[in-house]
C-alpha atoms as a PDB file:
ATOM      1  CA  MET A   1     -11.606   3.684 -10.886  1.00  0.00           C
ATOM      2  CA  ARG A   2      -8.015   2.537 -10.388  1.00  0.00           C
ATOM      3  CA  ILE A   3      -6.943  -0.845 -11.724  1.00  0.00           C
ATOM      4  CA  HIS A   4      -4.537  -2.728  -9.457  1.00  0.00           C
ATOM      5  CA  SER A   5      -1.680  -4.843 -10.738  1.00  0.00           C
ATOM      6  CA  LYS A   6      -1.256  -8.520  -9.922  1.00  0.00           C
ATOM      7  CA  ILE A   7       1.683  -7.580  -7.691  1.00  0.00           C
ATOM      8  CA  GLU A   8      -0.443  -5.089  -5.742  1.00  0.00           C
ATOM      9  CA  LEU A   9      -3.148  -7.713  -5.332  1.00  0.00           C
ATOM     10  CA  GLY A  10      -0.641 -10.290  -4.091  1.00  0.00           C
ATOM     11  CA  GLU A  11      -1.233 -12.573  -7.077  1.00  0.00           C
ATOM     12  CA  ARG A  12       2.344 -12.289  -8.294  1.00  0.00           C
ATOM     13  CA  GLN A  13       5.665 -11.876  -6.483  1.00  0.00           C
ATOM     14  CA  VAL A  14       8.274  -9.293  -7.393  1.00  0.00           C
ATOM     15  CA  ASN A  15      11.364 -10.924  -8.870  1.00  0.00           C
ATOM     16  CA  ILE A  16      14.990  -9.796  -8.950  1.00  0.00           C
ATOM     17  CA  ASP A  17      14.799  -8.585 -12.574  1.00  0.00           C
ATOM     18  CA  MET A  18      11.855  -6.335 -11.724  1.00  0.00           C
ATOM     19  CA  ILE A  19      13.785  -4.825  -8.817  1.00  0.00           C
ATOM     20  CA  LYS A  20      16.811  -4.145 -11.048  1.00  0.00           C
ATOM     21  CA  GLY A  21      14.679  -2.399 -13.665  1.00  0.00           C
ATOM     22  CA  LEU A  22      12.727  -0.436 -11.101  1.00  0.00           C
ATOM     23  CA  SER A  23      15.871   0.713  -9.312  1.00  0.00           C
ATOM     24  CA  GLU A  24      17.256   2.048 -12.590  1.00  0.00           C
ATOM     25  CA  LEU A  25      13.965   3.739 -13.457  1.00  0.00           C
ATOM     26  CA  LEU A  26      13.662   5.418 -10.058  1.00  0.00           C
ATOM     27  CA  ALA A  27      17.399   6.089  -9.657  1.00  0.00           C
ATOM     28  CA  ILE A  28      17.379   4.223  -6.334  1.00  0.00           C
ATOM     29  CA  GLY A  29      20.141   1.859  -5.309  1.00  0.00           C
ATOM     30  CA  PHE A  30      19.470  -1.780  -6.160  1.00  0.00           C
ATOM     31  CA  ARG A  31      20.320  -2.978  -2.638  1.00  0.00           C
ATOM     32  CA  GLU A  32      18.157  -0.291  -1.053  1.00  0.00           C
ATOM     33  CA  LEU A  33      15.179  -1.386  -3.124  1.00  0.00           C
ATOM     34  CA  GLN A  34      15.843  -5.044  -2.257  1.00  0.00           C
ATOM     35  CA  VAL A  35      15.845  -4.196   1.451  1.00  0.00           C
ATOM     36  CA  LYS A  36      12.608  -2.217   1.148  1.00  0.00           C
ATOM     37  CA  ASN A  37      10.944  -5.094  -0.703  1.00  0.00           C
ATOM     38  CA  PHE A  38      12.116  -7.620   1.910  1.00  0.00           C
ATOM     39  CA  SER A  39      10.970  -5.367   4.761  1.00  0.00           C
ATOM     40  CA  GLU A  40       7.498  -5.022   3.252  1.00  0.00           C
ATOM     41  CA  LYS A  41       7.218  -8.797   2.841  1.00  0.00           C
ATOM     42  CA  CYS A  42       8.235  -9.333   6.472  1.00  0.00           C
ATOM     43  CA  TYR A  43       5.694  -6.765   7.643  1.00  0.00           C
ATOM     44  CA  SER A  44       2.927  -8.380   5.585  1.00  0.00           C
ATOM     45  CA  ILE A  45       3.706 -11.826   6.950  1.00  0.00           C
ATOM     46  CA  THR A  46       3.751 -10.475  10.506  1.00  0.00           C
ATOM     47  CA  GLN A  47       0.342  -8.865  10.010  1.00  0.00           C
ATOM     48  CA  ILE A  48      -1.102 -12.115   8.675  1.00  0.00           C
ATOM     49  CA  ILE A  49       0.273 -14.062  11.642  1.00  0.00           C
ATOM     50  CA  LEU A  50      -1.156 -11.537  14.118  1.00  0.00           C
ATOM     51  CA  TYR A  51      -4.532 -11.688  12.391  1.00  0.00           C
ATOM     52  CA  LEU A  52      -4.583 -15.497  12.471  1.00  0.00           C
ATOM     53  CA  LYS A  53      -3.664 -15.527  16.165  1.00  0.00           C
ATOM     54  CA  LYS A  54      -6.772 -13.451  16.892  1.00  0.00           C
ATOM     55  CA  LEU A  55      -9.078 -16.020  15.279  1.00  0.00           C
END
Protein backbone atom coordinates (compact mmCIF):
# COMPACT_ATOMS: atom_id res chain seq x y z
CA MET A 1 0.00 0.00 0.00
CA ARG A 2 1.40 3.38 -1.04
CA ILE A 3 1.24 6.28 1.40
CA HIS A 4 0.47 9.64 -0.23
CA SER A 5 2.01 12.90 0.89
CA LYS A 6 0.00 15.90 2.02
CA ILE A 7 0.96 17.64 -1.23
CA GLU A 8 -0.35 14.73 -3.31
CA LEU A 9 -3.58 14.75 -1.33
CA GLY A 10 -4.00 18.50 -1.83
CA GLU A 11 -3.68 19.22 1.90
CA ARG A 12 -0.56 21.31 1.46
CA GLN A 13 0.64 23.61 -1.32
CA VAL A 14 4.10 23.47 -2.86
CA ASN A 15 6.14 26.53 -1.92
CA ILE A 16 9.03 28.24 -3.70
CA ASP A 17 11.69 26.68 -1.44
CA MET A 18 10.41 23.19 -2.25
CA ILE A 19 10.61 23.94 -5.98
CA LYS A 20 14.20 25.21 -5.64
CA GLY A 21 15.28 22.09 -3.77
CA LEU A 22 13.46 19.76 -6.11
CA SER A 23 14.92 21.43 -9.19
CA GLU A 24 18.42 20.93 -7.81
CA LEU A 25 17.70 17.32 -6.87
CA LEU A 26 16.27 16.47 -10.30
CA ALA A 27 18.71 18.66 -12.25
CA ILE A 28 15.78 20.49 -13.87
CA GLY A 29 15.75 24.23 -14.39
CA PHE A 30 14.07 26.18 -11.60
CA ARG A 31 11.89 28.17 -14.02
CA GLU A 32 10.88 25.04 -15.91
CA LEU A 33 9.72 23.40 -12.69
CA GLN A 34 7.83 26.57 -11.70
CA VAL A 35 6.01 26.57 -15.03
CA LYS A 36 5.11 22.88 -14.70
CA ASN A 37 3.78 23.45 -11.19
CA PHE A 38 1.71 26.45 -12.32
CA SER A 39 0.36 24.53 -15.32
CA GLU A 40 -0.75 21.63 -13.12
CA LYS A 41 -2.51 24.02 -10.73
CA CYS A 42 -4.33 25.68 -13.64
CA TYR A 43 -5.39 22.30 -15.01
CA SER A 44 -6.67 21.18 -11.61
CA ILE A 45 -8.69 24.36 -11.15
CA THR A 46 -10.15 24.01 -14.64
CA GLN A 47 -11.21 20.43 -13.92
CA ILE A 48 -12.90 21.50 -10.68
CA ILE A 49 -14.78 24.29 -12.46
CA LEU A 50 -15.94 21.92 -15.21
CA TYR A 51 -17.10 19.41 -12.62
CA LEU A 52 -19.04 22.05 -10.68
CA LYS A 53 -20.70 23.30 -13.87
CA LYS A 54 -22.09 19.80 -14.44
CA LEU A 55 -23.82 19.74 -11.04
